[in-house]
Amino acid sequence: METSGIKKVRGKVTVDSVEQHAYKNSLYQAQIRQEITTIYPSARIDNSMADSLFSADSFGLDDGKAYTSTRVTWIPVPKGTTVAQVEAQLAANPNAAIYRVLSHEPILTDNQLNAIESGLLDLDTVKNRQQIINPETGEVVLHNGKAQYGANFFTMTGKEDIDMRDQLAEEAPFSLSETKVATTSPIHKMCFSGVAFENMT
């Protein structure tokens, strides 16, 4: 259940670097990042079992604690592209963002599914890269007693985060093959950023 009153503010998508694609000689790849600030209300108006009758805005609550996390992902760009050109493309698309997918199973794109079927990729490799770990203790961060997996993806249309953790899935692992995922980032760069794992709500 979504917690009423929680606000998420997306910062500007910035470009860290542009380099040769790790696997495709005909492409470059750009490393991009975005800061996400999650602002919690000063008081809870619902809980895990009960909804609030009134909207969060009607309570006029002050903002409570705020947490900022950083998301990083990689996107393919034409060979010869510069950082400035990627920045110009992002500026021309104000809804560009990095959205997050969370699941109790590894998150696979259609490219990854094909690679696994072809024997070019092992599922355990994806699991190890995507499993959410407390960066300070090295311990697995559990959600309702289960391990969590996360991945970041680029969206041109401001797609919202997808949380599959509390939904019953017919198939596992969760596949993004039916969605338009605008990224072909290398598997070893697919790991979820644990900068602020406390914001897993």
N, C-alpha and C. Protein backbone atom coordinates (compact mmCIF):
# COMPACT_ATOMS: atom_id res chain seq x y z
N MET A 1 0.85 -1.19 0.00
CA MET A 1 0.00 0.00 0.00
C MET A 1 0.88 1.24 0.00
N GLU A 2 0.50 2.20 -0.82
CA GLU A 2 1.25 3.43 -0.87
C GLU A 2 0.98 4.27 0.36
N THR A 3 2.00 4.83 0.95
CA THR A 3 1.84 5.65 2.15
C THR A 3 1.43 7.06 1.76
N SER A 4 0.28 7.51 2.21
CA SER A 4 -0.21 8.84 1.86
C SER A 4 0.68 9.92 2.46
N GLY A 5 0.85 10.99 1.72
CA GLY A 5 1.60 12.13 2.21
C GLY A 5 3.08 12.10 1.91
N ILE A 6 3.61 11.02 1.40
CA ILE A 6 5.02 10.95 1.06
C ILE A 6 5.24 11.63 -0.29
N LYS A 7 6.20 12.54 -0.32
CA LYS A 7 6.50 13.27 -1.56
C LYS A 7 7.85 12.84 -2.10
N LYS A 8 7.94 12.71 -3.41
CA LYS A 8 9.21 12.41 -4.04
C LYS A 8 9.53 13.51 -5.04
N VAL A 9 10.70 14.10 -4.88
CA VAL A 9 11.13 15.19 -5.75
C VAL A 9 12.33 14.73 -6.56
N ARG A 10 12.19 14.77 -7.86
CA ARG A 10 13.27 14.35 -8.75
C ARG A 10 14.15 15.54 -9.12
N GLY A 11 15.45 15.36 -8.96
CA GLY A 11 16.37 16.40 -9.38
C GLY A 11 16.64 16.29 -10.88
N LYS A 12 17.51 17.12 -11.36
CA LYS A 12 17.88 17.13 -12.77
C LYS A 12 18.75 15.92 -13.10
N VAL A 13 18.51 15.29 -14.25
CA VAL A 13 19.37 14.20 -14.70
C VAL A 13 20.66 14.80 -15.24
N THR A 14 21.78 14.36 -14.71
CA THR A 14 23.08 14.87 -15.13
C THR A 14 23.91 13.77 -15.79
N VAL A 15 24.93 14.18 -16.49
CA VAL A 15 25.79 13.25 -17.23
C VAL A 15 27.15 13.18 -16.58
N ASP A 16 27.58 11.99 -16.21
CA ASP A 16 28.90 11.80 -15.61
C ASP A 16 29.98 11.64 -16.67
N SER A 17 29.68 10.82 -17.68
CA SER A 17 30.70 10.52 -18.67
C SER A 17 30.07 9.86 -19.89
N VAL A 18 30.82 9.84 -20.99
CA VAL A 18 30.45 9.11 -22.19
C VAL A 18 31.67 8.30 -22.60
N GLU A 19 31.45 7.02 -22.86
CA GLU A 19 32.57 6.15 -23.19
C GLU A 19 32.13 5.06 -24.16
N GLN A 20 33.10 4.31 -24.64
CA GLN A 20 32.80 3.18 -25.51
C GLN A 20 31.90 2.19 -24.79
N HIS A 21 30.88 1.68 -25.49
CA HIS A 21 29.98 0.70 -24.89
C HIS A 21 30.77 -0.54 -24.50
N ALA A 22 30.43 -1.10 -23.35
CA ALA A 22 31.19 -2.24 -22.81
C ALA A 22 31.12 -3.47 -23.70
N TYR A 23 30.00 -3.64 -24.45
CA TYR A 23 29.83 -4.86 -25.22
C TYR A 23 29.60 -4.64 -26.71
N LYS A 24 29.21 -3.43 -27.10
CA LYS A 24 28.86 -3.18 -28.50
C LYS A 24 29.81 -2.14 -29.10
N ASN A 25 30.64 -2.57 -30.03
CA ASN A 25 31.64 -1.68 -30.61
C ASN A 25 31.04 -0.54 -31.40
N SER A 26 29.82 -0.72 -31.87
CA SER A 26 29.20 0.31 -32.70
C SER A 26 28.50 1.40 -31.89
N LEU A 27 28.55 1.30 -30.57
CA LEU A 27 27.85 2.25 -29.72
C LEU A 27 28.76 2.85 -28.65
N TYR A 28 28.38 4.02 -28.18
CA TYR A 28 28.93 4.58 -26.95
C TYR A 28 27.87 4.39 -25.87
N GLN A 29 28.24 4.64 -24.62
CA GLN A 29 27.28 4.63 -23.54
C GLN A 29 27.53 5.83 -22.63
N ALA A 30 26.44 6.39 -22.13
CA ALA A 30 26.55 7.55 -21.23
C ALA A 30 26.15 7.12 -19.83
N GLN A 31 26.95 7.52 -18.86
CA GLN A 31 26.59 7.29 -17.47
C GLN A 31 25.85 8.52 -16.98
N ILE A 32 24.60 8.30 -16.52
CA ILE A 32 23.78 9.42 -16.05
C ILE A 32 23.36 9.17 -14.61
N ARG A 33 23.01 10.24 -13.91
CA ARG A 33 22.59 10.11 -12.52
C ARG A 33 21.51 11.13 -12.19
N GLN A 34 20.77 10.83 -11.13
CA GLN A 34 19.70 11.72 -10.69
C GLN A 34 19.51 11.58 -9.18
N GLU A 35 19.35 12.70 -8.50
CA GLU A 35 19.07 12.68 -7.08
C GLU A 35 17.56 12.68 -6.84
N ILE A 36 17.13 11.81 -5.93
CA ILE A 36 15.73 11.70 -5.57
C ILE A 36 15.59 12.05 -4.09
N THR A 37 14.78 13.05 -3.79
CA THR A 37 14.54 13.43 -2.40
C THR A 37 13.16 12.94 -1.99
N THR A 38 13.10 12.12 -0.95
CA THR A 38 11.85 11.60 -0.42
C THR A 38 11.54 12.34 0.87
N ILE A 39 10.38 12.99 0.90
CA ILE A 39 9.98 13.81 2.05
C ILE A 39 8.79 13.14 2.73
N TYR A 40 8.95 12.83 4.00
CA TYR A 40 7.90 12.17 4.76
C TYR A 40 7.08 13.21 5.53
N PRO A 41 5.78 12.98 5.71
CA PRO A 41 4.95 13.92 6.49
C PRO A 41 5.32 13.87 7.96
N SER A 42 4.95 14.90 8.70
CA SER A 42 5.27 14.97 10.12
C SER A 42 4.44 13.99 10.94
N ALA A 43 3.36 13.47 10.37
CA ALA A 43 2.53 12.49 11.06
C ALA A 43 1.93 11.53 10.03
N ARG A 44 1.81 10.27 10.41
CA ARG A 44 1.19 9.27 9.54
C ARG A 44 -0.32 9.39 9.61
N ILE A 45 -0.99 9.37 8.46
CA ILE A 45 -2.44 9.45 8.42
C ILE A 45 -3.06 8.15 7.95
N ASP A 46 -2.24 7.15 7.71
CA ASP A 46 -2.72 5.82 7.38
C ASP A 46 -1.73 4.82 7.95
N ASN A 47 -1.96 3.55 7.75
CA ASN A 47 -1.00 2.54 8.17
C ASN A 47 -1.06 1.36 7.22
N SER A 48 -0.37 0.31 7.54
CA SER A 48 -0.28 -0.83 6.63
C SER A 48 -1.60 -1.56 6.44
N MET A 49 -2.57 -1.30 7.32
CA MET A 49 -3.85 -1.98 7.23
C MET A 49 -5.02 -1.05 6.89
N ALA A 50 -4.88 0.23 7.20
CA ALA A 50 -6.01 1.15 7.04
C ALA A 50 -5.66 2.34 6.17
N ASP A 51 -6.59 2.71 5.29
CA ASP A 51 -6.43 3.89 4.45
C ASP A 51 -6.86 5.14 5.22
N SER A 52 -6.50 6.29 4.68
CA SER A 52 -6.98 7.55 5.22
C SER A 52 -8.22 7.98 4.44
N LEU A 53 -9.22 8.46 5.14
CA LEU A 53 -10.45 8.92 4.48
C LEU A 53 -10.20 10.21 3.71
N PHE A 54 -9.32 11.08 4.26
CA PHE A 54 -9.05 12.37 3.64
C PHE A 54 -7.70 12.33 2.93
N SER A 55 -7.57 13.20 1.94
CA SER A 55 -6.30 13.29 1.22
C SER A 55 -5.23 13.86 2.13
N ALA A 56 -3.98 13.59 1.78
CA ALA A 56 -2.87 14.08 2.60
C ALA A 56 -2.86 15.60 2.67
N ASP A 57 -3.20 16.26 1.55
CA ASP A 57 -3.16 17.73 1.53
C ASP A 57 -4.18 18.35 2.48
N SER A 58 -5.30 17.66 2.70
CA SER A 58 -6.36 18.24 3.54
C SER A 58 -5.95 18.36 5.00
N PHE A 59 -4.92 17.63 5.42
CA PHE A 59 -4.48 17.69 6.81
C PHE A 59 -3.58 18.90 7.08
N GLY A 60 -2.98 19.43 6.02
CA GLY A 60 -2.10 20.59 6.19
C GLY A 60 -0.89 20.29 7.04
N LEU A 61 -0.38 19.07 6.95
CA LEU A 61 0.76 18.67 7.78
C LEU A 61 2.06 19.29 7.27
N ASP A 62 2.93 19.60 8.20
CA ASP A 62 4.26 20.06 7.83
C ASP A 62 5.08 18.88 7.32
N ASP A 63 6.09 19.20 6.54
CA ASP A 63 7.00 18.15 6.08
C ASP A 63 7.82 17.62 7.25
N GLY A 64 8.08 16.33 7.23
CA GLY A 64 8.92 15.72 8.25
C GLY A 64 10.33 15.50 7.73
N LYS A 65 10.88 14.35 7.99
CA LYS A 65 12.24 14.05 7.58
C LYS A 65 12.33 13.88 6.06
N ALA A 66 13.47 14.26 5.52
CA ALA A 66 13.73 14.12 4.09
C ALA A 66 15.00 13.32 3.89
N TYR A 67 14.98 12.44 2.92
CA TYR A 67 16.15 11.62 2.59
C TYR A 67 16.45 11.76 1.11
N THR A 68 17.72 11.85 0.79
CA THR A 68 18.13 11.98 -0.60
C THR A 68 18.98 10.78 -1.02
N SER A 69 18.61 10.17 -2.13
CA SER A 69 19.37 9.06 -2.68
C SER A 69 19.78 9.40 -4.11
N THR A 70 20.79 8.72 -4.59
CA THR A 70 21.30 8.96 -5.93
C THR A 70 21.11 7.72 -6.79
N ARG A 71 20.52 7.90 -7.94
CA ARG A 71 20.34 6.79 -8.87
C ARG A 71 21.27 6.96 -10.06
N VAL A 72 21.85 5.86 -10.49
CA VAL A 72 22.78 5.88 -11.61
C VAL A 72 22.38 4.79 -12.60
N THR A 73 22.45 5.10 -13.88
CA THR A 73 22.24 4.07 -14.89
C THR A 73 23.03 4.45 -16.13
N TRP A 74 23.03 3.55 -17.11
CA TRP A 74 23.79 3.75 -18.35
C TRP A 74 22.84 3.64 -19.53
N ILE A 75 22.99 4.52 -20.51
CA ILE A 75 22.15 4.50 -21.70
C ILE A 75 23.03 4.49 -22.95
N PRO A 76 22.57 3.83 -24.02
CA PRO A 76 23.34 3.83 -25.26
C PRO A 76 23.20 5.16 -25.98
N VAL A 77 24.28 5.62 -26.58
CA VAL A 77 24.26 6.84 -27.39
C VAL A 77 25.06 6.57 -28.66
N PRO A 78 24.82 7.36 -29.71
CA PRO A 78 25.58 7.14 -30.96
C PRO A 78 27.08 7.31 -30.75
N LYS A 79 27.81 6.56 -31.51
CA LYS A 79 29.27 6.64 -31.42
C LYS A 79 29.73 8.05 -31.78
N GLY A 80 30.65 8.58 -31.01
CA GLY A 80 31.14 9.93 -31.25
C GLY A 80 30.40 11.00 -30.47
N THR A 81 29.34 10.61 -29.75
CA THR A 81 28.56 11.56 -28.96
C THR A 81 29.39 12.13 -27.81
N THR A 82 29.22 13.39 -27.52
CA THR A 82 29.94 14.04 -26.43
C THR A 82 29.02 14.21 -25.22
N VAL A 83 29.61 14.53 -24.09
CA VAL A 83 28.84 14.80 -22.89
C VAL A 83 27.87 15.97 -23.13
N ALA A 84 28.36 17.00 -23.80
CA ALA A 84 27.53 18.17 -24.08
C ALA A 84 26.32 17.81 -24.92
N GLN A 85 26.47 16.91 -25.87
CA GLN A 85 25.35 16.50 -26.71
C GLN A 85 24.31 15.72 -25.91
N VAL A 86 24.77 14.88 -25.00
CA VAL A 86 23.82 14.14 -24.15
C VAL A 86 23.08 15.12 -23.25
N GLU A 87 23.79 16.09 -22.70
CA GLU A 87 23.17 17.10 -21.85
C GLU A 87 22.11 17.89 -22.62
N ALA A 88 22.40 18.19 -23.89
CA ALA A 88 21.44 18.93 -24.72
C ALA A 88 20.19 18.09 -24.96
N GLN A 89 20.35 16.80 -25.19
CA GLN A 89 19.20 15.93 -25.40
C GLN A 89 18.34 15.84 -24.14
N LEU A 90 18.99 15.76 -23.00
CA LEU A 90 18.25 15.72 -21.73
C LEU A 90 17.50 17.02 -21.49
N ALA A 91 18.15 18.14 -21.80
CA ALA A 91 17.51 19.44 -21.60
C ALA A 91 16.29 19.60 -22.50
N ALA A 92 16.32 18.95 -23.66
CA ALA A 92 15.19 19.04 -24.59
C ALA A 92 14.04 18.11 -24.20
N ASN A 93 14.28 17.27 -23.21
CA ASN A 93 13.27 16.33 -22.74
C ASN A 93 13.10 16.48 -21.23
N PRO A 94 12.32 17.46 -20.80
CA PRO A 94 12.22 17.78 -19.37
C PRO A 94 11.63 16.67 -18.51
N ASN A 95 10.97 15.70 -19.11
CA ASN A 95 10.41 14.59 -18.33
C ASN A 95 11.38 13.42 -18.18
N ALA A 96 12.58 13.57 -18.73
CA ALA A 96 13.58 12.51 -18.61
C ALA A 96 13.88 12.25 -17.14
N ALA A 97 13.98 10.98 -16.77
CA ALA A 97 14.21 10.63 -15.37
C ALA A 97 14.79 9.23 -15.29
N ILE A 98 15.22 8.86 -14.09
CA ILE A 98 15.66 7.50 -13.81
C ILE A 98 14.65 6.90 -12.83
N TYR A 99 13.94 5.89 -13.28
CA TYR A 99 12.97 5.27 -12.39
C TYR A 99 13.53 3.95 -11.85
N ARG A 100 12.95 3.54 -10.72
CA ARG A 100 13.46 2.38 -10.00
C ARG A 100 12.42 1.26 -10.00
N VAL A 101 12.91 0.04 -10.16
CA VAL A 101 12.06 -1.14 -10.05
C VAL A 101 12.54 -1.96 -8.86
N LEU A 102 11.61 -2.33 -7.98
CA LEU A 102 11.91 -3.17 -6.83
C LEU A 102 11.10 -4.45 -6.92
N SER A 103 11.69 -5.56 -6.53
CA SER A 103 11.01 -6.85 -6.60
C SER A 103 11.63 -7.82 -5.62
N HIS A 104 10.90 -8.88 -5.30
CA HIS A 104 11.46 -9.96 -4.49
C HIS A 104 12.16 -10.98 -5.38
N GLU A 105 12.16 -10.76 -6.68
CA GLU A 105 12.83 -11.63 -7.64
C GLU A 105 13.73 -10.78 -8.52
N PRO A 106 14.76 -11.37 -9.13
CA PRO A 106 15.61 -10.61 -10.04
C PRO A 106 14.78 -9.96 -11.16
N ILE A 107 15.19 -8.80 -11.58
CA ILE A 107 14.48 -8.01 -12.59
C ILE A 107 15.21 -8.15 -13.91
N LEU A 108 14.54 -8.72 -14.89
CA LEU A 108 15.18 -9.02 -16.16
C LEU A 108 14.56 -8.27 -17.32
N THR A 109 15.39 -7.65 -18.15
CA THR A 109 14.92 -7.05 -19.38
C THR A 109 14.84 -8.15 -20.45
N ASP A 110 14.26 -7.82 -21.60
CA ASP A 110 14.18 -8.80 -22.67
C ASP A 110 15.58 -9.21 -23.15
N ASN A 111 16.50 -8.24 -23.16
CA ASN A 111 17.88 -8.56 -23.57
C ASN A 111 18.52 -9.57 -22.62
N GLN A 112 18.28 -9.40 -21.34
CA GLN A 112 18.85 -10.32 -20.37
C GLN A 112 18.22 -11.71 -20.46
N LEU A 113 16.91 -11.74 -20.68
CA LEU A 113 16.25 -13.03 -20.84
C LEU A 113 16.82 -13.78 -22.03
N ASN A 114 17.03 -13.07 -23.13
CA ASN A 114 17.61 -13.70 -24.32
C ASN A 114 19.03 -14.20 -24.05
N ALA A 115 19.79 -13.40 -23.30
CA ALA A 115 21.17 -13.78 -22.99
C ALA A 115 21.20 -15.03 -22.10
N ILE A 116 20.26 -15.12 -21.15
CA ILE A 116 20.19 -16.29 -20.29
C ILE A 116 19.80 -17.53 -21.09
N GLU A 117 18.82 -17.37 -21.97
CA GLU A 117 18.38 -18.49 -22.81
C GLU A 117 19.49 -18.95 -23.73
N SER A 118 20.35 -18.02 -24.14
CA SER A 118 21.45 -18.35 -25.06
C SER A 118 22.69 -18.84 -24.32
N GLY A 119 22.64 -18.84 -23.00
CA GLY A 119 23.79 -19.28 -22.22
C GLY A 119 24.88 -18.25 -22.09
N LEU A 120 24.59 -16.99 -22.46
CA LEU A 120 25.59 -15.93 -22.38
C LEU A 120 25.59 -15.23 -21.03
N LEU A 121 24.56 -15.48 -20.25
CA LEU A 121 24.42 -14.82 -18.96
C LEU A 121 23.83 -15.81 -17.96
N ASP A 122 24.35 -15.75 -16.74
CA ASP A 122 23.85 -16.62 -15.68
C ASP A 122 22.92 -15.82 -14.77
N LEU A 123 21.79 -16.42 -14.40
CA LEU A 123 20.82 -15.72 -13.55
C LEU A 123 21.44 -15.31 -12.22
N ASP A 124 22.32 -16.13 -11.68
CA ASP A 124 22.95 -15.79 -10.40
C ASP A 124 23.77 -14.50 -10.50
N THR A 125 24.32 -14.24 -11.68
CA THR A 125 25.08 -13.00 -11.87
C THR A 125 24.17 -11.79 -11.69
N VAL A 126 22.99 -11.87 -12.28
CA VAL A 126 22.03 -10.77 -12.16
C VAL A 126 21.57 -10.63 -10.71
N LYS A 127 21.29 -11.76 -10.06
CA LYS A 127 20.84 -11.74 -8.67
C LYS A 127 21.87 -11.07 -7.77
N ASN A 128 23.12 -11.42 -7.96
CA ASN A 128 24.18 -10.85 -7.13
C ASN A 128 24.33 -9.35 -7.34
N ARG A 129 24.12 -8.90 -8.59
CA ARG A 129 24.27 -7.48 -8.90
C ARG A 129 23.08 -6.66 -8.42
N GLN A 130 21.90 -7.25 -8.41
CA GLN A 130 20.70 -6.48 -8.10
C GLN A 130 20.25 -6.58 -6.64
N GLN A 131 20.77 -7.55 -5.91
CA GLN A 131 20.31 -7.71 -4.53
C GLN A 131 20.69 -6.49 -3.70
N ILE A 132 19.74 -6.00 -2.92
CA ILE A 132 19.96 -4.78 -2.14
C ILE A 132 20.69 -5.12 -0.85
N ILE A 133 21.83 -4.50 -0.68
CA ILE A 133 22.72 -4.76 0.45
C ILE A 133 22.94 -3.48 1.24
N ASN A 134 22.97 -3.60 2.55
CA ASN A 134 23.35 -2.46 3.38
C ASN A 134 24.84 -2.18 3.14
N PRO A 135 25.18 -1.03 2.55
CA PRO A 135 26.57 -0.76 2.20
C PRO A 135 27.50 -0.65 3.40
N GLU A 136 26.94 -0.39 4.57
CA GLU A 136 27.78 -0.23 5.77
C GLU A 136 28.09 -1.56 6.44
N THR A 137 27.12 -2.49 6.41
CA THR A 137 27.30 -3.77 7.10
C THR A 137 27.51 -4.95 6.15
N GLY A 138 27.13 -4.76 4.88
CA GLY A 138 27.24 -5.85 3.92
C GLY A 138 26.11 -6.87 4.04
N GLU A 139 25.14 -6.58 4.90
CA GLU A 139 24.02 -7.50 5.12
C GLU A 139 22.91 -7.26 4.09
N VAL A 140 22.20 -8.34 3.77
CA VAL A 140 21.07 -8.24 2.86
C VAL A 140 19.95 -7.47 3.55
N VAL A 141 19.37 -6.49 2.84
CA VAL A 141 18.26 -5.71 3.37
C VAL A 141 16.96 -6.43 3.05
N LEU A 142 16.26 -6.88 4.07
CA LEU A 142 15.03 -7.65 3.88
C LEU A 142 13.80 -6.74 3.86
N HIS A 143 12.78 -7.20 3.17
CA HIS A 143 11.47 -6.53 3.15
C HIS A 143 10.42 -7.58 3.41
N ASN A 144 9.73 -7.46 4.52
CA ASN A 144 8.77 -8.49 4.93
C ASN A 144 9.42 -9.87 4.99
N GLY A 145 10.67 -9.89 5.46
CA GLY A 145 11.39 -11.14 5.62
C GLY A 145 11.97 -11.72 4.35
N LYS A 146 11.89 -11.00 3.25
CA LYS A 146 12.38 -11.52 1.97
C LYS A 146 13.49 -10.62 1.41
N ALA A 147 14.37 -11.22 0.64
CA ALA A 147 15.42 -10.45 -0.03
C ALA A 147 14.78 -9.54 -1.08
N GLN A 148 15.46 -8.44 -1.35
CA GLN A 148 14.95 -7.48 -2.33
C GLN A 148 15.95 -7.32 -3.48
N TYR A 149 15.40 -7.05 -4.65
CA TYR A 149 16.23 -6.78 -5.82
C TYR A 149 15.79 -5.45 -6.42
N GLY A 150 16.76 -4.68 -6.90
CA GLY A 150 16.43 -3.38 -7.46
C GLY A 150 17.26 -3.07 -8.70
N ALA A 151 16.67 -2.31 -9.61
CA ALA A 151 17.38 -1.89 -10.81
C ALA A 151 16.87 -0.52 -11.23
N ASN A 152 17.74 0.28 -11.81
CA ASN A 152 17.40 1.61 -12.28
C ASN A 152 17.34 1.63 -13.80
N PHE A 153 16.35 2.37 -14.35
CA PHE A 153 16.18 2.44 -15.79
C PHE A 153 15.88 3.88 -16.20
N PHE A 154 16.25 4.22 -17.41
CA PHE A 154 16.01 5.56 -17.94
C PHE A 154 14.64 5.63 -18.59
N THR A 155 13.93 6.73 -18.35
CA THR A 155 12.64 6.97 -18.99
C THR A 155 12.60 8.38 -19.58
N MET A 156 12.05 8.49 -20.77
CA MET A 156 11.89 9.80 -21.41
C MET A 156 10.60 10.47 -20.97
N THR A 157 9.68 9.70 -20.39
CA THR A 157 8.34 10.20 -20.12
C THR A 157 8.03 10.35 -18.63
N GLY A 158 9.05 10.31 -17.79
CA GLY A 158 8.81 10.49 -16.36
C GLY A 158 8.11 9.33 -15.70
N LYS A 159 8.33 8.13 -16.20
CA LYS A 159 7.68 6.95 -15.63
C LYS A 159 7.93 6.87 -14.12
N GLU A 160 6.88 6.51 -13.39
CA GLU A 160 6.99 6.39 -11.95
C GLU A 160 7.68 5.08 -11.56
N ASP A 161 8.19 5.05 -10.32
CA ASP A 161 8.84 3.84 -9.82
C ASP A 161 7.84 2.67 -9.82
N ILE A 162 8.37 1.46 -9.96
CA ILE A 162 7.56 0.25 -9.95
C ILE A 162 7.98 -0.60 -8.75
N ASP A 163 7.04 -0.86 -7.86
CA ASP A 163 7.31 -1.67 -6.68
C ASP A 163 6.51 -2.97 -6.79
N MET A 164 7.21 -4.07 -7.05
CA MET A 164 6.56 -5.37 -7.22
C MET A 164 6.66 -6.23 -5.96
N ARG A 165 7.21 -5.68 -4.88
CA ARG A 165 7.54 -6.51 -3.72
C ARG A 165 6.33 -7.12 -3.04
N ASP A 166 5.23 -6.40 -3.00
CA ASP A 166 4.06 -6.89 -2.28
C ASP A 166 2.96 -7.39 -3.23
N GLN A 167 3.33 -7.60 -4.48
CA GLN A 167 2.37 -8.09 -5.44
C GLN A 167 2.69 -9.54 -5.78
N LEU A 168 1.66 -10.34 -5.97
CA LEU A 168 1.85 -11.73 -6.33
C LEU A 168 2.12 -11.82 -7.82
N ALA A 169 3.26 -12.38 -8.18
CA ALA A 169 3.61 -12.51 -9.59
C ALA A 169 3.37 -13.95 -10.05
N GLU A 170 2.87 -14.07 -11.26
CA GLU A 170 2.61 -15.40 -11.80
C GLU A 170 3.90 -16.08 -12.23
N GLU A 171 4.87 -15.25 -12.62
CA GLU A 171 6.13 -15.81 -13.07
C GLU A 171 7.26 -15.16 -12.29
N ALA A 172 8.32 -15.89 -12.12
CA ALA A 172 9.52 -15.36 -11.49
C ALA A 172 10.71 -15.86 -12.29
N PRO A 173 11.73 -15.04 -12.49
CA PRO A 173 11.85 -13.67 -12.01
C PRO A 173 10.97 -12.69 -12.78
N PHE A 174 10.76 -11.51 -12.21
CA PHE A 174 9.95 -10.47 -12.82
C PHE A 174 10.64 -9.98 -14.09
N SER A 175 9.90 -9.93 -15.18
CA SER A 175 10.47 -9.53 -16.46
C SER A 175 9.94 -8.19 -16.90
N LEU A 176 10.83 -7.37 -17.44
CA LEU A 176 10.44 -6.09 -18.00
C LEU A 176 10.34 -6.17 -19.51
N SER A 177 10.28 -7.37 -20.05
CA SER A 177 10.29 -7.54 -21.49
C SER A 177 9.07 -6.94 -22.17
N GLU A 178 7.97 -6.77 -21.41
CA GLU A 178 6.77 -6.22 -22.01
C GLU A 178 6.69 -4.70 -21.86
N THR A 179 7.69 -4.10 -21.22
CA THR A 179 7.70 -2.66 -21.06
C THR A 179 8.81 -2.07 -21.91
N LYS A 180 8.69 -0.80 -22.21
CA LYS A 180 9.70 -0.13 -23.02
C LYS A 180 10.80 0.41 -22.11
N VAL A 181 11.85 -0.36 -21.96
CA VAL A 181 12.96 0.02 -21.10
C VAL A 181 14.05 0.63 -21.96
N ALA A 182 14.28 1.92 -21.80
CA ALA A 182 15.23 2.63 -22.65
C ALA A 182 16.63 2.54 -22.10
N THR A 183 17.16 1.34 -22.02
CA THR A 183 18.54 1.17 -21.57
C THR A 183 19.06 -0.19 -22.00
N THR A 184 20.33 -0.24 -22.31
CA THR A 184 21.00 -1.52 -22.56
C THR A 184 22.28 -1.52 -21.75
N SER A 185 22.18 -1.06 -20.53
CA SER A 185 23.36 -0.95 -19.68
C SER A 185 23.96 -2.32 -19.42
N PRO A 186 25.29 -2.41 -19.31
CA PRO A 186 25.95 -3.69 -19.08
C PRO A 186 25.47 -4.32 -17.78
N ILE A 187 25.48 -5.64 -17.75
CA ILE A 187 25.01 -6.37 -16.58
C ILE A 187 25.79 -5.96 -15.33
N HIS A 188 27.10 -5.79 -15.47
CA HIS A 188 27.89 -5.49 -14.28
C HIS A 188 27.64 -4.07 -13.78
N LYS A 189 26.89 -3.28 -14.54
CA LYS A 189 26.55 -1.93 -14.11
C LYS A 189 25.06 -1.81 -13.80
N MET A 190 24.38 -2.93 -13.66
CA MET A 190 22.96 -2.92 -13.41
C MET A 190 22.61 -2.88 -11.93
N CYS A 191 23.62 -2.98 -11.06
CA CYS A 191 23.32 -3.09 -9.64
C CYS A 191 22.63 -1.85 -9.12
N PHE A 192 21.72 -2.07 -8.16
CA PHE A 192 20.96 -0.97 -7.57
C PHE A 192 21.86 -0.18 -6.64
N SER A 193 21.77 1.14 -6.71
CA SER A 193 22.57 1.99 -5.84
C SER A 193 22.02 1.94 -4.43
N GLY A 194 22.85 1.55 -3.48
CA GLY A 194 22.42 1.45 -2.09
C GLY A 194 22.75 2.68 -1.29
N VAL A 195 22.82 3.83 -1.95
CA VAL A 195 23.19 5.06 -1.27
C VAL A 195 22.24 5.36 -0.13
N ALA A 196 20.94 5.11 -0.33
CA ALA A 196 19.96 5.38 0.72
C ALA A 196 18.96 4.25 0.78
N PHE A 197 19.43 3.09 1.23
CA PHE A 197 18.57 1.91 1.26
C PHE A 197 17.42 2.09 2.24
N GLU A 198 17.51 3.08 3.12
CA GLU A 198 16.42 3.30 4.07
C GLU A 198 15.17 3.82 3.37
N ASN A 199 15.27 4.23 2.11
CA ASN A 199 14.13 4.76 1.39
C ASN A 199 13.42 3.69 0.58
N MET A 200 13.40 2.47 1.09
CA MET A 200 12.77 1.37 0.37
C MET A 200 11.27 1.30 0.60
N THR A 201 10.67 2.31 1.21
CA THR A 201 9.25 2.27 1.47
C THR A 201 8.45 2.66 0.24
